[in-house]
């Protein structure tokens, strides 16, 4: 829906893009480029050792859930970027070759921490509650700001990311749980 309504976001997209230019500093730009490192490929690669740890602990369903969600995320992002074919802002501080809609960085971090949040909810330890309450939203907020700050995305790209991420999380949980329910029968 956001992809179809993108023309209605032109004013907001331009305003946010111009505002970020007004707050850019050299030191903040360097910090933002560090955050930019955590893209879809890096987060997918990071999910593999975590899945291995889950397998080692005998939690095959959780391992499949993590890797499956990140794999589905990468697939849907590539398809979305190809089908929607939205150019990036011309004043981006990065040289990205792919299309901008939706924000892959933000979608991926939401799926990544969303899966860890889902897994943490199954654990009753205090550290799990701390992760859910503080770390997950902070990481998502930092990445959302980063995508705007670097002018790597339009506002509508960042707005669409949580919707795609929540879809990926929900579908992954349902499919993996159904598969393991069927497999255990």
N, C-alpha and C. Protein backbone atom coordinates (compact mmCIF):
# COMPACT_ATOMS: atom_id res chain seq x y z
N UNK A 1 0.83 -1.20 0.00
CA UNK A 1 0.00 0.00 0.00
C UNK A 1 0.87 1.26 0.00
N UNK A 2 1.95 1.22 0.78
CA UNK A 2 2.83 2.40 0.81
C UNK A 2 3.51 2.59 -0.53
N UNK A 3 3.88 1.50 -1.19
CA UNK A 3 4.50 1.60 -2.52
C UNK A 3 3.55 2.26 -3.51
N UNK A 4 2.28 1.90 -3.45
CA UNK A 4 1.30 2.49 -4.36
C UNK A 4 1.00 3.94 -4.03
N UNK A 5 1.12 4.29 -2.75
CA UNK A 5 0.81 5.66 -2.32
C UNK A 5 2.04 6.56 -2.32
N UNK A 6 3.16 6.10 -2.83
CA UNK A 6 4.39 6.88 -2.78
C UNK A 6 4.25 8.30 -3.34
N UNK A 7 3.51 8.52 -4.42
CA UNK A 7 3.39 9.90 -4.91
C UNK A 7 2.81 10.87 -3.87
N UNK A 8 1.97 10.36 -2.98
CA UNK A 8 1.39 11.21 -1.94
C UNK A 8 2.41 11.54 -0.85
N UNK A 9 3.51 10.84 -0.81
CA UNK A 9 4.57 11.07 0.18
C UNK A 9 5.64 12.03 -0.32
N UNK A 10 5.53 12.51 -1.55
CA UNK A 10 6.59 13.33 -2.14
C UNK A 10 6.96 14.53 -1.26
N UNK A 11 5.97 15.22 -0.73
CA UNK A 11 6.24 16.39 0.11
C UNK A 11 6.97 16.03 1.39
N UNK A 12 6.51 14.98 2.06
CA UNK A 12 7.14 14.53 3.29
C UNK A 12 8.53 13.98 2.99
N UNK A 13 8.65 13.20 1.92
CA UNK A 13 9.95 12.66 1.54
C UNK A 13 10.97 13.78 1.34
N UNK A 14 10.58 14.81 0.62
CA UNK A 14 11.49 15.93 0.36
C UNK A 14 11.83 16.70 1.63
N UNK A 15 10.82 16.94 2.46
CA UNK A 15 11.04 17.69 3.70
C UNK A 15 12.01 16.96 4.64
N UNK A 16 11.82 15.66 4.82
CA UNK A 16 12.70 14.89 5.69
C UNK A 16 14.11 14.85 5.09
N UNK A 17 14.20 14.68 3.78
CA UNK A 17 15.49 14.64 3.12
C UNK A 17 16.25 15.95 3.32
N UNK A 18 15.58 17.06 3.17
CA UNK A 18 16.23 18.37 3.35
C UNK A 18 16.57 18.63 4.81
N UNK A 19 15.73 18.18 5.73
CA UNK A 19 16.01 18.37 7.16
C UNK A 19 17.28 17.64 7.55
N UNK A 20 17.47 16.41 7.06
CA UNK A 20 18.66 15.65 7.45
C UNK A 20 19.93 16.33 6.98
N UNK A 21 19.88 16.99 5.85
CA UNK A 21 21.06 17.72 5.38
C UNK A 21 21.42 18.81 6.39
N UNK A 22 20.43 19.41 7.01
CA UNK A 22 20.68 20.52 7.94
C UNK A 22 21.31 20.08 9.26
N UNK A 23 21.25 18.78 9.58
CA UNK A 23 21.82 18.32 10.86
C UNK A 23 23.10 17.51 10.68
N UNK A 24 23.55 17.33 9.46
CA UNK A 24 24.72 16.50 9.22
C UNK A 24 26.00 17.18 9.68
N UNK A 25 26.82 16.39 10.40
CA UNK A 25 28.15 16.83 10.82
C UNK A 25 29.14 15.73 10.46
N UNK A 26 30.39 16.06 10.42
CA UNK A 26 31.41 15.08 10.04
C UNK A 26 31.46 13.91 11.02
N UNK A 27 31.45 14.20 12.31
CA UNK A 27 31.56 13.11 13.29
C UNK A 27 30.31 12.23 13.31
N UNK A 28 29.14 12.83 13.19
CA UNK A 28 27.92 12.04 13.17
C UNK A 28 27.83 11.21 11.88
N UNK A 29 28.34 11.75 10.79
CA UNK A 29 28.36 11.02 9.54
C UNK A 29 29.25 9.78 9.65
N UNK A 30 30.39 9.92 10.30
CA UNK A 30 31.28 8.77 10.49
C UNK A 30 30.59 7.69 11.34
N UNK A 31 29.89 8.11 12.39
CA UNK A 31 29.16 7.15 13.23
C UNK A 31 28.05 6.48 12.43
N UNK A 32 27.36 7.23 11.61
CA UNK A 32 26.26 6.69 10.79
C UNK A 32 26.79 5.67 9.79
N UNK A 33 27.98 5.90 9.27
CA UNK A 33 28.56 4.95 8.32
C UNK A 33 28.94 3.64 9.00
N UNK A 34 29.25 3.69 10.28
CA UNK A 34 29.51 2.45 11.04
C UNK A 34 28.22 1.65 11.17
N UNK A 35 27.13 2.33 11.49
CA UNK A 35 25.82 1.67 11.61
C UNK A 35 25.42 1.07 10.26
N UNK A 36 25.75 1.75 9.18
CA UNK A 36 25.43 1.31 7.83
C UNK A 36 26.03 -0.06 7.51
N UNK A 37 27.09 -0.44 8.20
CA UNK A 37 27.73 -1.74 7.99
C UNK A 37 26.76 -2.90 8.17
N UNK A 38 25.79 -2.75 9.07
CA UNK A 38 24.88 -3.84 9.41
C UNK A 38 23.72 -3.91 8.41
N UNK A 39 24.04 -4.40 7.24
CA UNK A 39 23.03 -4.54 6.19
C UNK A 39 22.44 -5.95 6.19
N UNK A 40 21.63 -6.24 5.21
CA UNK A 40 20.94 -7.53 5.14
C UNK A 40 21.92 -8.69 5.07
N UNK A 41 22.96 -8.56 4.26
CA UNK A 41 23.93 -9.66 4.12
C UNK A 41 24.66 -9.93 5.42
N UNK A 42 25.08 -8.89 6.12
CA UNK A 42 25.80 -9.06 7.39
C UNK A 42 24.88 -9.69 8.43
N UNK A 43 23.65 -9.21 8.53
CA UNK A 43 22.72 -9.76 9.52
C UNK A 43 22.34 -11.20 9.19
N UNK A 44 22.23 -11.52 7.90
CA UNK A 44 21.97 -12.91 7.51
C UNK A 44 23.16 -13.78 7.90
N UNK A 45 24.37 -13.29 7.64
CA UNK A 45 25.57 -14.03 8.02
C UNK A 45 25.68 -14.19 9.53
N UNK A 46 25.31 -13.17 10.29
CA UNK A 46 25.35 -13.26 11.75
C UNK A 46 24.32 -14.25 12.30
N UNK A 47 23.23 -14.41 11.58
CA UNK A 47 22.19 -15.34 12.06
C UNK A 47 22.65 -16.80 11.98
N UNK A 48 23.58 -17.10 11.09
CA UNK A 48 24.03 -18.49 10.93
C UNK A 48 24.75 -19.01 12.18
N UNK A 49 25.76 -18.29 12.74
CA UNK A 49 26.37 -18.81 13.97
C UNK A 49 25.41 -18.85 15.15
N UNK A 50 24.49 -17.89 15.22
CA UNK A 50 23.49 -17.93 16.29
C UNK A 50 22.59 -19.16 16.12
N UNK A 51 22.24 -19.48 14.88
CA UNK A 51 21.44 -20.67 14.62
C UNK A 51 22.23 -21.93 14.98
N UNK A 52 23.53 -21.92 14.70
CA UNK A 52 24.38 -23.04 15.09
C UNK A 52 24.40 -23.23 16.59
N UNK A 53 24.47 -22.13 17.33
CA UNK A 53 24.43 -22.20 18.79
C UNK A 53 23.09 -22.76 19.26
N UNK A 54 22.01 -22.34 18.63
CA UNK A 54 20.70 -22.87 18.98
C UNK A 54 20.60 -24.36 18.69
N UNK A 55 21.16 -24.79 17.55
CA UNK A 55 21.17 -26.22 17.23
C UNK A 55 21.98 -26.99 18.27
N UNK A 56 23.11 -26.45 18.66
CA UNK A 56 23.97 -27.08 19.65
C UNK A 56 23.23 -27.24 20.98
N UNK A 57 22.37 -26.26 21.30
CA UNK A 57 21.58 -26.34 22.54
C UNK A 57 20.31 -27.19 22.37
N UNK A 58 20.14 -27.81 21.20
CA UNK A 58 19.00 -28.68 20.98
C UNK A 58 17.72 -27.95 20.61
N UNK A 59 17.83 -26.75 20.11
CA UNK A 59 16.66 -25.96 19.75
C UNK A 59 16.60 -25.79 18.22
N UNK A 60 16.36 -26.90 17.54
CA UNK A 60 16.34 -26.91 16.07
C UNK A 60 15.24 -26.01 15.52
N UNK A 61 14.08 -25.99 16.16
CA UNK A 61 12.99 -25.16 15.69
C UNK A 61 13.38 -23.68 15.73
N UNK A 62 14.01 -23.25 16.80
CA UNK A 62 14.43 -21.85 16.92
C UNK A 62 15.52 -21.51 15.90
N UNK A 63 16.43 -22.47 15.66
CA UNK A 63 17.48 -22.26 14.67
C UNK A 63 16.88 -22.09 13.28
N UNK A 64 15.94 -22.96 12.93
CA UNK A 64 15.26 -22.85 11.63
C UNK A 64 14.47 -21.55 11.52
N UNK A 65 13.87 -21.16 12.60
CA UNK A 65 13.09 -19.93 12.62
C UNK A 65 13.97 -18.71 12.34
N UNK A 66 15.12 -18.64 12.99
CA UNK A 66 16.02 -17.50 12.80
C UNK A 66 16.54 -17.44 11.37
N UNK A 67 17.10 -18.54 10.90
CA UNK A 67 17.68 -18.55 9.56
C UNK A 67 16.58 -18.44 8.49
N UNK A 68 15.46 -19.09 8.72
CA UNK A 68 14.36 -19.00 7.77
C UNK A 68 13.81 -17.58 7.63
N UNK A 69 13.66 -16.91 8.76
CA UNK A 69 13.15 -15.53 8.73
C UNK A 69 14.13 -14.60 8.01
N UNK A 70 15.41 -14.76 8.30
CA UNK A 70 16.39 -13.90 7.65
C UNK A 70 16.50 -14.20 6.16
N UNK A 71 16.38 -15.49 5.79
CA UNK A 71 16.40 -15.85 4.37
C UNK A 71 15.19 -15.32 3.63
N UNK A 72 14.01 -15.48 4.22
CA UNK A 72 12.78 -14.95 3.61
C UNK A 72 12.87 -13.43 3.49
N UNK A 73 13.41 -12.79 4.51
CA UNK A 73 13.60 -11.35 4.50
C UNK A 73 14.46 -10.92 3.30
N UNK A 74 15.60 -11.59 3.11
CA UNK A 74 16.50 -11.24 2.01
C UNK A 74 15.81 -11.43 0.66
N UNK A 75 15.06 -12.52 0.54
CA UNK A 75 14.36 -12.81 -0.71
C UNK A 75 13.28 -11.76 -1.02
N UNK A 76 12.46 -11.43 -0.02
CA UNK A 76 11.40 -10.45 -0.23
C UNK A 76 11.94 -9.04 -0.46
N UNK A 77 13.04 -8.71 0.20
CA UNK A 77 13.65 -7.39 -0.04
C UNK A 77 14.13 -7.27 -1.48
N UNK A 78 14.82 -8.31 -1.96
CA UNK A 78 15.31 -8.27 -3.33
C UNK A 78 14.16 -8.17 -4.32
N UNK A 79 13.11 -8.94 -4.09
CA UNK A 79 11.95 -8.89 -4.98
C UNK A 79 11.28 -7.51 -4.94
N UNK A 80 11.12 -6.95 -3.74
CA UNK A 80 10.48 -5.64 -3.61
C UNK A 80 11.29 -4.56 -4.30
N UNK A 81 12.59 -4.56 -4.07
CA UNK A 81 13.45 -3.53 -4.68
C UNK A 81 13.43 -3.63 -6.21
N UNK A 82 13.38 -4.86 -6.71
CA UNK A 82 13.36 -5.06 -8.16
C UNK A 82 12.01 -4.64 -8.75
N UNK A 83 10.93 -5.05 -8.12
CA UNK A 83 9.59 -4.76 -8.66
C UNK A 83 9.23 -3.28 -8.55
N UNK A 84 9.57 -2.65 -7.45
CA UNK A 84 9.14 -1.27 -7.23
C UNK A 84 10.08 -0.28 -7.92
N UNK A 85 11.36 -0.63 -8.03
CA UNK A 85 12.31 0.15 -8.83
C UNK A 85 12.30 1.65 -8.49
N UNK A 86 12.51 1.94 -7.22
CA UNK A 86 12.52 3.33 -6.75
C UNK A 86 13.95 3.83 -6.58
N UNK A 87 14.30 4.93 -7.23
CA UNK A 87 15.68 5.44 -7.09
C UNK A 87 15.92 6.05 -5.71
N UNK A 88 17.17 6.03 -5.30
CA UNK A 88 17.57 6.62 -4.03
C UNK A 88 17.65 8.15 -4.17
N UNK A 89 17.63 8.85 -3.03
CA UNK A 89 17.83 10.30 -3.09
C UNK A 89 19.18 10.64 -3.73
N UNK A 90 19.20 11.67 -4.54
CA UNK A 90 20.44 12.04 -5.24
C UNK A 90 21.50 12.61 -4.28
N UNK A 91 21.08 13.07 -3.10
CA UNK A 91 22.03 13.65 -2.16
C UNK A 91 22.47 12.65 -1.08
N UNK A 92 22.36 11.36 -1.38
CA UNK A 92 22.77 10.32 -0.43
C UNK A 92 24.26 10.44 -0.13
N UNK A 93 24.62 10.20 1.10
CA UNK A 93 26.03 10.22 1.49
C UNK A 93 26.72 8.89 1.19
N UNK A 94 25.97 7.94 0.66
CA UNK A 94 26.50 6.62 0.33
C UNK A 94 26.37 6.39 -1.17
N UNK A 95 27.15 5.45 -1.65
CA UNK A 95 27.03 5.06 -3.05
C UNK A 95 26.42 3.66 -3.06
N UNK A 96 25.11 3.60 -3.06
CA UNK A 96 24.39 2.33 -3.11
C UNK A 96 23.88 2.13 -4.52
N UNK A 97 24.03 0.93 -5.00
CA UNK A 97 23.66 0.65 -6.37
C UNK A 97 22.23 0.14 -6.53
N UNK A 98 21.65 -0.42 -5.47
CA UNK A 98 20.32 -0.98 -5.61
C UNK A 98 19.25 0.09 -5.38
N UNK A 99 18.01 -0.32 -5.55
CA UNK A 99 16.89 0.61 -5.38
C UNK A 99 16.62 0.87 -3.91
N UNK A 100 15.78 1.87 -3.65
CA UNK A 100 15.62 2.32 -2.27
C UNK A 100 14.42 1.75 -1.53
N UNK A 101 13.40 1.29 -2.23
CA UNK A 101 12.17 0.90 -1.54
C UNK A 101 12.04 -0.59 -1.41
N UNK A 102 11.83 -1.10 -0.21
CA UNK A 102 11.88 -0.47 1.11
C UNK A 102 13.31 -0.46 1.64
N UNK A 103 13.51 0.10 2.81
CA UNK A 103 14.84 0.12 3.42
C UNK A 103 15.22 -1.29 3.85
N UNK A 104 16.21 -1.85 3.19
CA UNK A 104 16.67 -3.19 3.53
C UNK A 104 17.35 -3.26 4.88
N UNK A 105 18.14 -2.22 5.20
CA UNK A 105 18.80 -2.19 6.50
C UNK A 105 17.78 -2.23 7.64
N UNK A 106 16.77 -1.38 7.54
CA UNK A 106 15.78 -1.29 8.61
C UNK A 106 14.92 -2.55 8.67
N UNK A 107 14.48 -3.04 7.53
CA UNK A 107 13.68 -4.26 7.51
C UNK A 107 14.47 -5.39 8.14
N UNK A 108 15.72 -5.51 7.76
CA UNK A 108 16.55 -6.62 8.25
C UNK A 108 16.82 -6.54 9.75
N UNK A 109 17.10 -5.34 10.26
CA UNK A 109 17.36 -5.23 11.71
C UNK A 109 16.08 -5.52 12.49
N UNK A 110 14.94 -5.13 11.96
CA UNK A 110 13.67 -5.42 12.64
C UNK A 110 13.43 -6.93 12.66
N UNK A 111 13.67 -7.61 11.55
CA UNK A 111 13.49 -9.06 11.51
C UNK A 111 14.49 -9.72 12.45
N UNK A 112 15.75 -9.29 12.41
CA UNK A 112 16.80 -9.88 13.24
C UNK A 112 16.47 -9.74 14.73
N UNK A 113 16.22 -8.51 15.18
CA UNK A 113 15.91 -8.34 16.62
C UNK A 113 14.51 -8.85 16.94
N UNK A 114 13.63 -8.85 15.96
CA UNK A 114 12.28 -9.40 16.18
C UNK A 114 12.34 -10.89 16.46
N UNK A 115 13.20 -11.60 15.73
CA UNK A 115 13.33 -13.04 15.98
C UNK A 115 13.97 -13.28 17.35
N UNK A 116 14.97 -12.48 17.70
CA UNK A 116 15.57 -12.63 19.03
C UNK A 116 14.58 -12.25 20.13
N UNK A 117 13.74 -11.28 19.86
CA UNK A 117 12.71 -10.91 20.83
C UNK A 117 11.72 -12.06 21.01
N UNK A 118 11.30 -12.66 19.90
CA UNK A 118 10.40 -13.80 19.97
C UNK A 118 11.03 -14.94 20.77
N UNK A 119 12.31 -15.21 20.50
CA UNK A 119 13.00 -16.27 21.23
C UNK A 119 13.19 -15.89 22.70
N UNK A 120 13.44 -14.61 22.96
CA UNK A 120 13.62 -14.16 24.35
C UNK A 120 12.32 -14.26 25.14
N UNK A 121 11.20 -14.06 24.47
CA UNK A 121 9.92 -14.17 25.16
C UNK A 121 9.67 -15.59 25.66
N UNK A 122 10.33 -16.55 25.04
CA UNK A 122 10.20 -17.94 25.48
C UNK A 122 11.10 -18.23 26.68
N UNK A 123 11.96 -17.29 27.01
CA UNK A 123 12.90 -17.44 28.12
C UNK A 123 12.48 -16.48 29.23
N UNK A 124 12.49 -16.90 30.44
CA UNK A 124 11.99 -16.08 31.54
C UNK A 124 13.09 -15.33 32.30
N UNK A 125 14.30 -15.31 31.77
CA UNK A 125 15.41 -14.65 32.46
C UNK A 125 15.30 -13.13 32.35
N UNK A 126 15.89 -12.44 33.31
CA UNK A 126 15.87 -10.97 33.35
C UNK A 126 16.55 -10.36 32.12
N UNK A 127 17.65 -10.96 31.68
CA UNK A 127 18.36 -10.42 30.52
C UNK A 127 17.46 -10.41 29.29
N UNK A 128 16.58 -11.40 29.17
CA UNK A 128 15.65 -11.44 28.06
C UNK A 128 14.68 -10.26 28.11
N UNK A 129 14.20 -9.96 29.29
CA UNK A 129 13.28 -8.83 29.44
C UNK A 129 13.98 -7.50 29.17
N UNK A 130 15.25 -7.40 29.58
CA UNK A 130 16.03 -6.19 29.30
C UNK A 130 16.20 -6.02 27.80
N UNK A 131 16.50 -7.10 27.09
CA UNK A 131 16.67 -7.04 25.64
C UNK A 131 15.41 -6.53 24.97
N UNK A 132 14.29 -7.09 25.37
CA UNK A 132 13.02 -6.70 24.77
C UNK A 132 12.70 -5.23 25.06
N UNK A 133 12.90 -4.81 26.29
CA UNK A 133 12.49 -3.47 26.72
C UNK A 133 13.44 -2.37 26.24
N UNK A 134 14.73 -2.66 26.11
CA UNK A 134 15.68 -1.59 25.84
C UNK A 134 16.46 -1.76 24.55
N UNK A 135 17.08 -2.88 24.39
CA UNK A 135 18.01 -3.05 23.29
C UNK A 135 17.31 -3.11 21.94
N UNK A 136 16.28 -3.92 21.81
CA UNK A 136 15.62 -4.08 20.52
C UNK A 136 15.07 -2.75 19.97
N UNK A 137 14.28 -2.01 20.74
CA UNK A 137 13.78 -0.74 20.20
C UNK A 137 14.90 0.28 19.92
N UNK A 138 15.94 0.25 20.74
CA UNK A 138 17.07 1.18 20.52
C UNK A 138 17.76 0.88 19.19
N UNK A 139 18.02 -0.40 18.91
CA UNK A 139 18.66 -0.77 17.66
C UNK A 139 17.81 -0.38 16.45
N UNK A 140 16.53 -0.61 16.55
CA UNK A 140 15.62 -0.26 15.46
C UNK A 140 15.57 1.26 15.27
N UNK A 141 15.48 2.00 16.37
CA UNK A 141 15.45 3.46 16.27
C UNK A 141 16.74 4.04 15.69
N UNK A 142 17.87 3.49 16.10
CA UNK A 142 19.16 3.95 15.57
C UNK A 142 19.24 3.70 14.07
N UNK A 143 18.81 2.51 13.65
CA UNK A 143 18.87 2.20 12.22
C UNK A 143 17.91 3.07 11.42
N UNK A 144 16.73 3.32 11.93
CA UNK A 144 15.77 4.18 11.22
C UNK A 144 16.33 5.59 11.05
N UNK A 145 16.91 6.11 12.12
CA UNK A 145 17.51 7.44 12.04
C UNK A 145 18.68 7.43 11.06
N UNK A 146 19.50 6.39 11.12
CA UNK A 146 20.68 6.27 10.25
C UNK A 146 20.30 6.32 8.78
N UNK A 147 19.23 5.64 8.41
CA UNK A 147 18.82 5.59 7.00
C UNK A 147 18.41 6.98 6.51
N UNK A 148 17.75 7.74 7.39
CA UNK A 148 17.39 9.13 7.03
C UNK A 148 18.63 10.01 7.03
N UNK A 149 19.43 9.91 8.08
CA UNK A 149 20.59 10.79 8.24
C UNK A 149 21.53 10.70 7.04
N UNK A 150 21.78 9.50 6.56
CA UNK A 150 22.68 9.32 5.42
C UNK A 150 22.00 9.63 4.09
N UNK A 151 20.72 9.99 4.13
CA UNK A 151 19.92 10.24 2.93
C UNK A 151 19.99 9.05 1.97
N UNK A 152 20.07 7.86 2.54
CA UNK A 152 20.11 6.64 1.75
C UNK A 152 18.71 6.22 1.34
N UNK A 153 17.70 6.77 2.03
CA UNK A 153 16.31 6.38 1.77
C UNK A 153 15.39 7.58 1.91
N UNK A 154 14.25 7.44 1.28
CA UNK A 154 13.17 8.39 1.46
C UNK A 154 12.38 8.00 2.71
N UNK A 155 11.61 8.92 3.24
CA UNK A 155 10.78 8.65 4.41
C UNK A 155 9.86 7.46 4.16
N UNK A 156 9.27 7.39 2.97
CA UNK A 156 8.35 6.29 2.65
C UNK A 156 9.05 4.94 2.63
N UNK A 157 10.34 4.91 2.29
CA UNK A 157 11.11 3.65 2.31
C UNK A 157 11.24 3.15 3.74
N UNK A 158 11.53 4.07 4.65
CA UNK A 158 11.70 3.73 6.06
C UNK A 158 10.34 3.39 6.68
N UNK A 159 9.30 4.06 6.28
CA UNK A 159 7.96 3.79 6.79
C UNK A 159 7.48 2.39 6.38
N UNK A 160 7.84 1.94 5.20
CA UNK A 160 7.40 0.63 4.71
C UNK A 160 8.14 -0.52 5.39
N UNK A 161 9.36 -0.29 5.83
CA UNK A 161 10.20 -1.36 6.38
C UNK A 161 9.56 -2.14 7.52
N UNK A 162 8.98 -1.48 8.54
CA UNK A 162 8.38 -2.26 9.63
C UNK A 162 7.24 -3.16 9.17
N UNK A 163 6.47 -2.72 8.19
CA UNK A 163 5.36 -3.54 7.71
C UNK A 163 5.87 -4.81 7.04
N UNK A 164 6.88 -4.68 6.19
CA UNK A 164 7.45 -5.86 5.56
C UNK A 164 8.11 -6.76 6.60
N UNK A 165 8.82 -6.17 7.56
CA UNK A 165 9.50 -6.95 8.60
C UNK A 165 8.50 -7.73 9.45
N UNK A 166 7.42 -7.09 9.85
CA UNK A 166 6.42 -7.79 10.66
C UNK A 166 5.75 -8.90 9.88
N UNK A 167 5.56 -8.70 8.59
CA UNK A 167 5.01 -9.75 7.73
C UNK A 167 5.97 -10.95 7.71
N UNK A 168 7.26 -10.68 7.51
CA UNK A 168 8.27 -11.74 7.48
C UNK A 168 8.31 -12.50 8.81
N UNK A 169 8.29 -11.77 9.91
CA UNK A 169 8.32 -12.40 11.24
C UNK A 169 7.09 -13.30 11.43
N UNK A 170 5.92 -12.77 11.14
CA UNK A 170 4.68 -13.53 11.34
C UNK A 170 4.64 -14.78 10.47
N UNK A 171 4.95 -14.63 9.20
CA UNK A 171 4.92 -15.78 8.29
C UNK A 171 5.95 -16.82 8.72
N UNK A 172 7.14 -16.37 9.09
CA UNK A 172 8.18 -17.31 9.51
C UNK A 172 7.76 -18.10 10.73
N UNK A 173 7.22 -17.43 11.71
CA UNK A 173 6.78 -18.11 12.93
C UNK A 173 5.70 -19.13 12.61
N UNK A 174 4.71 -18.72 11.82
CA UNK A 174 3.61 -19.63 11.48
C UNK A 174 4.09 -20.83 10.67
N UNK A 175 4.93 -20.59 9.67
CA UNK A 175 5.38 -21.68 8.81
C UNK A 175 6.27 -22.65 9.59
N UNK A 176 7.24 -22.13 10.34
CA UNK A 176 8.15 -23.02 11.07
C UNK A 176 7.40 -23.79 12.15
N UNK A 177 6.51 -23.13 12.88
CA UNK A 177 5.75 -23.85 13.91
C UNK A 177 4.86 -24.93 13.29
N UNK A 178 4.22 -24.63 12.16
CA UNK A 178 3.40 -25.64 11.48
C UNK A 178 4.26 -26.79 10.97
N UNK A 179 5.41 -26.48 10.42
CA UNK A 179 6.30 -27.52 9.93
C UNK A 179 6.73 -28.45 11.05
N UNK A 180 7.17 -27.90 12.17
CA UNK A 180 7.62 -28.73 13.28
C UNK A 180 6.45 -29.49 13.92
N UNK A 181 5.27 -28.91 13.93
CA UNK A 181 4.09 -29.63 14.43
C UNK A 181 3.81 -30.82 13.54
N UNK A 182 3.87 -30.63 12.22
CA UNK A 182 3.67 -31.71 11.27
C UNK A 182 4.78 -32.74 11.38
N UNK A 183 6.03 -32.28 11.47
CA UNK A 183 7.19 -33.17 11.54
C UNK A 183 7.16 -34.03 12.79
N UNK A 184 6.72 -33.48 13.91
CA UNK A 184 6.68 -34.22 15.16
C UNK A 184 5.55 -35.25 15.22
N UNK A 185 4.56 -35.13 14.32
CA UNK A 185 3.47 -36.11 14.27
C UNK A 185 4.02 -37.33 13.61
